[in-house]
Amino acid sequence: MKIREKMYNIVTYLPQSHSKYEKLYSLEAIKKNIVYVKTLADATQYKSKKVLIISESYDIDEGAVKLIAEKHKACFLIDISKIINSRGISRAVLLSRLRTFLKFCIKYNAYYTFADFAKDDFELRSPRELIHIAGLLGVNEGQTKFALKMIQHYTE
């Protein structure tokens, strides 16, 4: 089954072609829309802003996720490349934290999206691959498709 819905991704290079996605966004072009935070508690200061939030460590802070979800402005950006490029115990810990984090996002209706931040054509994952990786994190196909469409809203 071929996915031909509008899906978006963020990459760190300028691709030759991107027929798999409706549009690929360059990280450099949308850098102003992305906020990097150390902890989820730090992310609460952006709850009223239309930004994509990348957490350095997806610590288990249910209160912070609930607080950010109340405003329905900010969106969490999950970096799939961290999962793909990690190995062993660090990958297992990251997967566990992301599963718990996404359970809180789903429970409180917090916005989230996924991107692979590919550095070249070989690292660029198809929408179907991102859907399957998100499935490992406990997110169903419909939720992932919706999440992949969220990038456009926060970048334009």
Foldseek 3Di string as FASTA:
>chain_A
DQDDDAFEAEAQDDAPDDNLHPDYHHCVLQVVQEDEEAELVVVLVCLQAQHEYEYPALDQDLPSLLSSLVNQRYEYEDAVLVLVPDDDPVNVNRLVSLLNSVVSCVVNVGHYAYHHHHHYPVSHDGLVVVQVSVVSSVDHNVSHRVRRNVVVVSRD
